[in-house]
């Protein structure tokens, strides 16, 4: 029996399985692309939130220093 291109010993079923495998790989590849896109979006959001939290932290530090100066206290290290 010959295959679709006239190759001997290649059953037609093997070609159909190959097409199924290709379709499955294409579907998996598409899903991986979607997952990658979602992860990129989450990373961007995380980076944005991190930057906003850093700004808030710095703002709180400045406010604390201003209050301490108004009260006449020497600024203390936040780690102690």
PDB file of N, CA and C in Angstrom:
ATOM      1  N   UNK A   1       0.856  -1.172   0.000  1.00  0.00           N
ATOM      2  CA  UNK A   1       0.000   0.000   0.000  1.00  0.00           C
ATOM      3  C   UNK A   1       0.897   1.229   0.000  1.00  0.00           C
ATOM      4  N   UNK A   2       0.517   2.253  -0.733  1.00  0.00           N
ATOM      5  CA  UNK A   2       1.337   3.458  -0.800  1.00  0.00           C
ATOM      6  C   UNK A   2       0.649   4.594  -0.076  1.00  0.00           C
ATOM      7  N   UNK A   3       1.476   5.530   0.416  1.00  0.00           N
ATOM      8  CA  UNK A   3       0.954   6.689   1.128  1.00  0.00           C
ATOM      9  C   UNK A   3       0.417   7.726   0.164  1.00  0.00           C
ATOM     10  N   UNK A   4       0.005   8.887   0.658  1.00  0.00           N
ATOM     11  CA  UNK A   4      -0.606   9.906  -0.183  1.00  0.00           C
ATOM     12  C   UNK A   4       0.348  10.463  -1.239  1.00  0.00           C
ATOM     13  N   UNK A   5       1.653  10.401  -0.994  1.00  0.00           N
ATOM     14  CA  UNK A   5       2.625  10.902  -1.967  1.00  0.00           C
ATOM     15  C   UNK A   5       3.252   9.773  -2.765  1.00  0.00           C
ATOM     16  N   UNK A   6       2.667   8.603  -2.694  1.00  0.00           N
ATOM     17  CA  UNK A   6       3.197   7.463  -3.409  1.00  0.00           C
ATOM     18  C   UNK A   6       4.289   6.735  -2.657  1.00  0.00           C
ATOM     19  N   UNK A   7       4.556   7.115  -1.410  1.00  0.00           N
ATOM     20  CA  UNK A   7       5.583   6.449  -0.617  1.00  0.00           C
ATOM     21  C   UNK A   7       5.087   5.070  -0.214  1.00  0.00           C
ATOM     22  N   UNK A   8       5.918   4.097  -0.415  1.00  0.00           N
ATOM     23  CA  UNK A   8       5.550   2.742  -0.029  1.00  0.00           C
ATOM     24  C   UNK A   8       5.696   2.566   1.473  1.00  0.00           C
ATOM     25  N   UNK A   9       4.827   1.805   2.051  1.00  0.00           N
ATOM     26  CA  UNK A   9       4.923   1.483   3.462  1.00  0.00           C
ATOM     27  C   UNK A   9       4.380   2.565   4.378  1.00  0.00           C
ATOM     28  N   UNK A  10       3.789   3.605   3.853  1.00  0.00           N
ATOM     29  CA  UNK A  10       3.231   4.668   4.690  1.00  0.00           C
ATOM     30  C   UNK A  10       1.713   4.592   4.604  1.00  0.00           C
ATOM     31  N   UNK A  11       1.087   4.012   5.604  1.00  0.00           N
ATOM     32  CA  UNK A  11      -0.375   3.906   5.554  1.00  0.00           C
ATOM     33  C   UNK A  11      -1.039   5.277   5.641  1.00  0.00           C
ATOM     34  N   UNK A  12      -2.218   5.358   5.081  1.00  0.00           N
ATOM     35  CA  UNK A  12      -2.973   6.611   5.076  1.00  0.00           C
ATOM     36  C   UNK A  12      -3.317   7.029   6.501  1.00  0.00           C
ATOM     37  N   UNK A  13      -3.539   6.060   7.396  1.00  0.00           N
ATOM     38  CA  UNK A  13      -3.890   6.378   8.778  1.00  0.00           C
ATOM     39  C   UNK A  13      -2.774   7.155   9.472  1.00  0.00           C
ATOM     40  N   UNK A  14      -1.530   6.841   9.163  1.00  0.00           N
ATOM     41  CA  UNK A  14      -0.402   7.540   9.785  1.00  0.00           C
ATOM     42  C   UNK A  14      -0.406   9.003   9.384  1.00  0.00           C
ATOM     43  N   UNK A  15      -0.794   9.286   8.141  1.00  0.00           N
ATOM     44  CA  UNK A  15      -0.867  10.675   7.691  1.00  0.00           C
ATOM     45  C   UNK A  15      -1.977  11.417   8.428  1.00  0.00           C
ATOM     46  N   UNK A  16      -3.110  10.752   8.645  1.00  0.00           N
ATOM     47  CA  UNK A  16      -4.214  11.372   9.374  1.00  0.00           C
ATOM     48  C   UNK A  16      -3.807  11.636  10.817  1.00  0.00           C
ATOM     49  N   UNK A  17      -3.057  10.700  11.413  1.00  0.00           N
ATOM     50  CA  UNK A  17      -2.572  10.916  12.780  1.00  0.00           C
ATOM     51  C   UNK A  17      -1.613  12.095  12.827  1.00  0.00           C
ATOM     52  N   UNK A  18      -0.780  12.222  11.799  1.00  0.00           N
ATOM     53  CA  UNK A  18       0.149  13.350  11.731  1.00  0.00           C
ATOM     54  C   UNK A  18      -0.593  14.671  11.663  1.00  0.00           C
ATOM     55  N   UNK A  19      -1.691  14.699  10.907  1.00  0.00           N
ATOM     56  CA  UNK A  19      -2.496  15.919  10.824  1.00  0.00           C
ATOM     57  C   UNK A  19      -3.140  16.225  12.173  1.00  0.00           C
ATOM     58  N   UNK A  20      -3.605  15.173  12.855  1.00  0.00           N
ATOM     59  CA  UNK A  20      -4.187  15.366  14.185  1.00  0.00           C
ATOM     60  C   UNK A  20      -3.141  15.912  15.156  1.00  0.00           C
ATOM     61  N   UNK A  21      -1.920  15.351  15.066  1.00  0.00           N
ATOM     62  CA  UNK A  21      -0.841  15.830  15.932  1.00  0.00           C
ATOM     63  C   UNK A  21      -0.531  17.296  15.654  1.00  0.00           C
ATOM     64  N   UNK A  22      -0.495  17.653  14.370  1.00  0.00           N
ATOM     65  CA  UNK A  22      -0.215  19.047  14.010  1.00  0.00           C
ATOM     66  C   UNK A  22      -1.294  19.977  14.551  1.00  0.00           C
ATOM     67  N   UNK A  23      -2.547  19.554  14.436  1.00  0.00           N
ATOM     68  CA  UNK A  23      -3.648  20.367  14.952  1.00  0.00           C
ATOM     69  C   UNK A  23      -3.546  20.497  16.468  1.00  0.00           C
ATOM     70  N   UNK A  24      -3.177  19.396  17.126  1.00  0.00           N
ATOM     71  CA  UNK A  24      -3.034  19.432  18.581  1.00  0.00           C
ATOM     72  C   UNK A  24      -1.889  20.357  18.994  1.00  0.00           C
ATOM     73  N   UNK A  25      -0.759  20.262  18.278  1.00  0.00           N
ATOM     74  CA  UNK A  25       0.371  21.150  18.567  1.00  0.00           C
ATOM     75  C   UNK A  25       0.001  22.611  18.325  1.00  0.00           C
ATOM     76  N   UNK A  26      -0.756  22.871  17.271  1.00  0.00           N
ATOM     77  CA  UNK A  26      -1.178  24.244  16.977  1.00  0.00           C
ATOM     78  C   UNK A  26      -2.089  24.768  18.088  1.00  0.00           C
ATOM     79  N   UNK A  27      -2.986  23.914  18.585  1.00  0.00           N
ATOM     80  CA  UNK A  27      -3.886  24.326  19.667  1.00  0.00           C
ATOM     81  C   UNK A  27      -3.098  24.591  20.946  1.00  0.00           C
ATOM     82  N   UNK A  28      -2.136  23.718  21.244  1.00  0.00           N
ATOM     83  CA  UNK A  28      -1.302  23.913  22.437  1.00  0.00           C
ATOM     84  C   UNK A  28      -0.487  25.184  22.302  1.00  0.00           C
ATOM     85  N   UNK A  29       0.064  25.410  21.118  1.00  0.00           N
ATOM     86  CA  UNK A  29       0.853  26.613  20.874  1.00  0.00           C
ATOM     87  C   UNK A  29       0.004  27.870  21.060  1.00  0.00           C
ATOM     88  N   UNK A  30      -1.230  27.820  20.573  1.00  0.00           N
ATOM     89  CA  UNK A  30      -2.136  28.957  20.737  1.00  0.00           C
ATOM     90  C   UNK A  30      -2.445  29.207  22.213  1.00  0.00           C
ATOM     91  N   UNK A  31      -2.689  28.128  22.956  1.00  0.00           N
ATOM     92  CA  UNK A  31      -2.958  28.277  24.392  1.00  0.00           C
ATOM     93  C   UNK A  31      -1.746  28.848  25.121  1.00  0.00           C
ATOM     94  N   UNK A  32      -0.563  28.379  24.756  1.00  0.00           N
ATOM     95  CA  UNK A  32       0.658  28.903  25.383  1.00  0.00           C
ATOM     96  C   UNK A  32       0.853  30.383  25.063  1.00  0.00           C
ATOM     97  N   UNK A  33       0.519  30.776  23.841  1.00  0.00           N
ATOM     98  CA  UNK A  33       0.597  32.194  23.480  1.00  0.00           C
ATOM     99  C   UNK A  33      -0.362  33.026  24.324  1.00  0.00           C
ATOM    100  N   UNK A  34      -1.569  32.512  24.538  1.00  0.00           N
ATOM    101  CA  UNK A  34      -2.545  33.222  25.364  1.00  0.00           C
ATOM    102  C   UNK A  34      -2.067  33.316  26.808  1.00  0.00           C
ATOM    103  N   UNK A  35      -1.526  32.234  27.330  1.00  0.00           N
ATOM    104  CA  UNK A  35      -1.001  32.241  28.701  1.00  0.00           C
ATOM    105  C   UNK A  35       0.141  33.235  28.817  1.00  0.00           C
ATOM    106  N   UNK A  36       1.027  33.235  27.837  1.00  0.00           N
ATOM    107  CA  UNK A  36       2.154  34.165  27.834  1.00  0.00           C
ATOM    108  C   UNK A  36       1.667  35.608  27.813  1.00  0.00           C
ATOM    109  N   UNK A  37       0.650  35.874  27.007  1.00  0.00           N
ATOM    110  CA  UNK A  37       0.086  37.221  26.940  1.00  0.00           C
ATOM    111  C   UNK A  37      -0.514  37.627  28.288  1.00  0.00           C
ATOM    112  N   UNK A  38      -1.237  36.711  28.916  1.00  0.00           N
ATOM    113  CA  UNK A  38      -1.826  36.996  30.233  1.00  0.00           C
ATOM    114  C   UNK A  38      -0.736  37.251  31.273  1.00  0.00           C
ATOM    115  N   UNK A  39       0.318  36.451  31.239  1.00  0.00           N
ATOM    116  CA  UNK A  39       1.416  36.641  32.190  1.00  0.00           C
ATOM    117  C   UNK A  39       2.118  37.976  31.965  1.00  0.00           C
ATOM    118  N   UNK A  40       2.289  38.369  30.704  1.00  0.00           N
ATOM    119  CA  UNK A  40       2.884  39.674  30.408  1.00  0.00           C
ATOM    120  C   UNK A  40       2.022  40.796  30.973  1.00  0.00           C
ATOM    121  N   UNK A  41       0.702  40.653  30.799  1.00  0.00           N
ATOM    122  CA  UNK A  41      -0.220  41.665  31.317  1.00  0.00           C
ATOM    123  C   UNK A  41      -0.148  41.731  32.844  1.00  0.00           C
ATOM    124  N   UNK A  42      -0.123  40.579  33.498  1.00  0.00           N
ATOM    125  CA  UNK A  42      -0.015  40.550  34.958  1.00  0.00           C
ATOM    126  C   UNK A  42       1.306  41.151  35.431  1.00  0.00           C
ATOM    127  N   UNK A  43       2.376  40.892  34.697  1.00  0.00           N
ATOM    128  CA  UNK A  43       3.677  41.452  35.065  1.00  0.00           C
ATOM    129  C   UNK A  43       3.660  42.977  34.959  1.00  0.00           C
ATOM    130  N   UNK A  44       3.019  43.494  33.906  1.00  0.00           N
ATOM    131  CA  UNK A  44       2.901  44.944  33.766  1.00  0.00           C
ATOM    132  C   UNK A  44       2.107  45.542  34.926  1.00  0.00           C
ATOM    133  N   UNK A  45       0.993  44.904  35.277  1.00  0.00           N
ATOM    134  CA  UNK A  45       0.184  45.391  36.400  1.00  0.00           C
ATOM    135  C   UNK A  45       0.974  45.337  37.699  1.00  0.00           C
ATOM    136  N   UNK A  46       1.714  44.257  37.902  1.00  0.00           N
ATOM    137  CA  UNK A  46       2.529  44.112  39.103  1.00  0.00           C
ATOM    138  C   UNK A  46       3.586  45.211  39.175  1.00  0.00           C
ATOM    139  N   UNK A  47       4.247  45.467  38.056  1.00  0.00           N
ATOM    140  CA  UNK A  47       5.257  46.527  38.023  1.00  0.00           C
ATOM    141  C   UNK A  47       4.636  47.885  38.339  1.00  0.00           C
ATOM    142  N   UNK A  48       3.441  48.130  37.788  1.00  0.00           N
ATOM    143  CA  UNK A  48       2.754  49.399  38.043  1.00  0.00           C
ATOM    144  C   UNK A  48       2.389  49.524  39.523  1.00  0.00           C
ATOM    145  N   UNK A  49       1.840  48.454  40.090  1.00  0.00           N
ATOM    146  CA  UNK A  49       1.481  48.482  41.513  1.00  0.00           C
ATOM    147  C   UNK A  49       2.712  48.658  42.393  1.00  0.00           C
ATOM    148  N   UNK A  50       3.794  48.012  42.037  1.00  0.00           N
ATOM    149  CA  UNK A  50       5.030  48.139  42.808  1.00  0.00           C
ATOM    150  C   UNK A  50       5.514  49.588  42.792  1.00  0.00           C
ATOM    151  N   UNK A  51       5.474  50.212  41.625  1.00  0.00           N
ATOM    152  CA  UNK A  51       5.897  51.610  41.523  1.00  0.00           C
ATOM    153  C   UNK A  51       4.993  52.515  42.358  1.00  0.00           C
ATOM    154  N   UNK A  52       3.685  52.275  42.304  1.00  0.00           N
ATOM    155  CA  UNK A  52       2.750  53.090  43.093  1.00  0.00           C
ATOM    156  C   UNK A  52       2.988  52.905  44.588  1.00  0.00           C
ATOM    157  N   UNK A  53       3.246  51.681  45.030  1.00  0.00           N
ATOM    158  CA  UNK A  53       3.513  51.426  46.445  1.00  0.00           C
ATOM    159  C   UNK A  53       4.816  52.082  46.890  1.00  0.00           C
ATOM    160  N   UNK A  54       5.817  52.078  46.029  1.00  0.00           N
ATOM    161  CA  UNK A  54       7.071  52.760  46.350  1.00  0.00           C
ATOM    162  C   UNK A  54       6.823  54.258  46.530  1.00  0.00           C
ATOM    163  N   UNK A  55       6.007  54.843  45.650  1.00  0.00           N
ATOM    164  CA  UNK A  55       5.666  56.263  45.774  1.00  0.00           C
ATOM    165  C   UNK A  55       4.936  56.527  47.086  1.00  0.00           C
ATOM    166  N   UNK A  56       3.993  55.662  47.426  1.00  0.00           N
ATOM    167  CA  UNK A  56       3.239  55.822  48.669  1.00  0.00           C
ATOM    168  C   UNK A  56       4.153  55.705  49.880  1.00  0.00           C
ATOM    169  N   UNK A  57       5.055  54.758  49.851  1.00  0.00           N
ATOM    170  CA  UNK A  57       6.002  54.586  50.947  1.00  0.00           C
ATOM    171  C   UNK A  57       6.862  55.831  51.121  1.00  0.00           C
ATOM    172  N   UNK A  58       7.372  56.357  50.031  1.00  0.00           N
ATOM    173  CA  UNK A  58       8.198  57.563  50.109  1.00  0.00           C
ATOM    174  C   UNK A  58       7.382  58.755  50.610  1.00  0.00           C
ATOM    175  N   UNK A  59       6.145  58.864  50.153  1.00  0.00           N
ATOM    176  CA  UNK A  59       5.271  59.943  50.615  1.00  0.00           C
ATOM    177  C   UNK A  59       5.028  59.834  52.119  1.00  0.00           C
ATOM    178  N   UNK A  60       4.789  58.620  52.602  1.00  0.00           N
ATOM    179  CA  UNK A  60       4.572  58.415  54.035  1.00  0.00           C
ATOM    180  C   UNK A  60       5.823  58.747  54.841  1.00  0.00           C
ATOM    181  N   UNK A  61       6.983  58.409  54.309  1.00  0.00           N
ATOM    182  CA  UNK A  61       8.232  58.752  54.997  1.00  0.00           C
ATOM    183  C   UNK A  61       8.390  60.267  55.105  1.00  0.00           C
ATOM    184  N   UNK A  62       8.108  60.953  54.022  1.00  0.00           N
ATOM    185  CA  UNK A  62       8.232  62.410  54.033  1.00  0.00           C
ATOM    186  C   UNK A  62       7.250  63.029  55.026  1.00  0.00           C
ATOM    187  N   UNK A  63       6.026  62.530  55.030  1.00  0.00           N
ATOM    188  CA  UNK A  63       5.018  63.046  55.960  1.00  0.00           C
ATOM    189  C   UNK A  63       5.444  62.801  57.404  1.00  0.00           C
ATOM    190  N   UNK A  64       5.964  61.616  57.684  1.00  0.00           N
ATOM    191  CA  UNK A  64       6.425  61.299  59.040  1.00  0.00           C
ATOM    192  C   UNK A  64       7.555  62.235  59.457  1.00  0.00           C
ATOM    193  N   UNK A  65       8.500  62.476  58.553  1.00  0.00           N
ATOM    194  CA  UNK A  65       9.603  63.386  58.868  1.00  0.00           C
ATOM    195  C   UNK A  65       9.098  64.800  59.139  1.00  0.00           C
ATOM    196  N   UNK A  66       8.127  65.245  58.353  1.00  0.00           N
ATOM    197  CA  UNK A  66       7.569  66.581  58.569  1.00  0.00           C
ATOM    198  C   UNK A  66       6.883  66.675  59.930  1.00  0.00           C
ATOM    199  N   UNK A  67       6.122  65.655  60.304  1.00  0.00           N
ATOM    200  CA  UNK A  67       5.469  65.651  61.614  1.00  0.00           C
ATOM    201  C   UNK A  67       6.497  65.652  62.741  1.00  0.00           C
ATOM    202  N   UNK A  68       7.546  64.857  62.575  1.00  0.00           N
ATOM    203  CA  UNK A  68       8.583  64.823  63.606  1.00  0.00           C
ATOM    204  C   UNK A  68       9.263  66.182  63.731  1.00  0.00           C
ATOM    205  N   UNK A  69       9.491  66.842  62.625  1.00  0.00           N
ATOM    206  CA  UNK A  69      10.126  68.159  62.668  1.00  0.00           C
ATOM    207  C   UNK A  69       9.199  69.180  63.319  1.00  0.00           C
ATOM    208  N   UNK A  70       7.906  69.076  63.045  1.00  0.00           N
ATOM    209  CA  UNK A  70       6.948  69.993  63.659  1.00  0.00           C
ATOM    210  C   UNK A  70       6.875  69.775  65.166  1.00  0.00           C
ATOM    211  N   UNK A  71       7.046  68.549  65.602  1.00  0.00           N
ATOM    212  CA  UNK A  71       6.998  68.250  67.029  1.00  0.00           C
ATOM    213  C   UNK A  71       8.334  68.507  67.714  1.00  0.00           C
ATOM    214  N   UNK A  72       9.341  68.853  66.936  1.00  0.00           N
ATOM    215  CA  UNK A  72      10.643  69.152  67.501  1.00  0.00           C
ATOM    216  C   UNK A  72      11.462  67.927  67.821  1.00  0.00           C
ATOM    217  N   UNK A  73      11.057  66.788  67.297  1.00  0.00           N
ATOM    218  CA  UNK A  73      11.805  65.564  67.531  1.00  0.00           C
ATOM    219  C   UNK A  73      12.859  65.400  66.448  1.00  0.00           C
ATOM    220  N   UNK A  74      13.907  64.722  66.815  1.00  0.00           N
ATOM    221  CA  UNK A  74      14.918  64.373  65.821  1.00  0.00           C
ATOM    222  C   UNK A  74      14.399  63.181  65.032  1.00  0.00           C
ATOM    223  N   UNK A  75      14.585  63.198  63.726  1.00  0.00           N
ATOM    224  CA  UNK A  75      14.113  62.052  62.928  1.00  0.00           C
ATOM    225  C   UNK A  75      14.825  60.774  63.359  1.00  0.00           C
ATOM    226  N   UNK A  76      14.053  59.717  63.519  1.00  0.00           N
ATOM    227  CA  UNK A  76      14.628  58.432  63.930  1.00  0.00           C
ATOM    228  C   UNK A  76      14.609  57.475  62.757  1.00  0.00           C
ATOM    229  N   UNK A  77      15.480  56.487  62.837  1.00  0.00           N
ATOM    230  CA  UNK A  77      15.546  55.469  61.797  1.00  0.00           C
ATOM    231  C   UNK A  77      14.306  54.592  61.908  1.00  0.00           C
ATOM    232  N   UNK A  78      13.628  54.338  60.798  1.00  0.00           N
ATOM    233  CA  UNK A  78      12.392  53.554  60.815  1.00  0.00           C
ATOM    234  C   UNK A  78      12.640  52.096  61.164  1.00  0.00           C
ATOM    235  N   UNK A  79      13.879  51.642  61.060  1.00  0.00           N
ATOM    236  CA  UNK A  79      14.155  50.234  61.346  1.00  0.00           C
ATOM    237  C   UNK A  79      14.336  49.965  62.832  1.00  0.00           C
ATOM    238  N   UNK A  80      14.394  50.993  63.665  1.00  0.00           N
ATOM    239  CA  UNK A  80      14.564  50.777  65.109  1.00  0.00           C
ATOM    240  C   UNK A  80      13.292  51.037  65.858  1.00  0.00           C
TER     241      UNK A  80
END
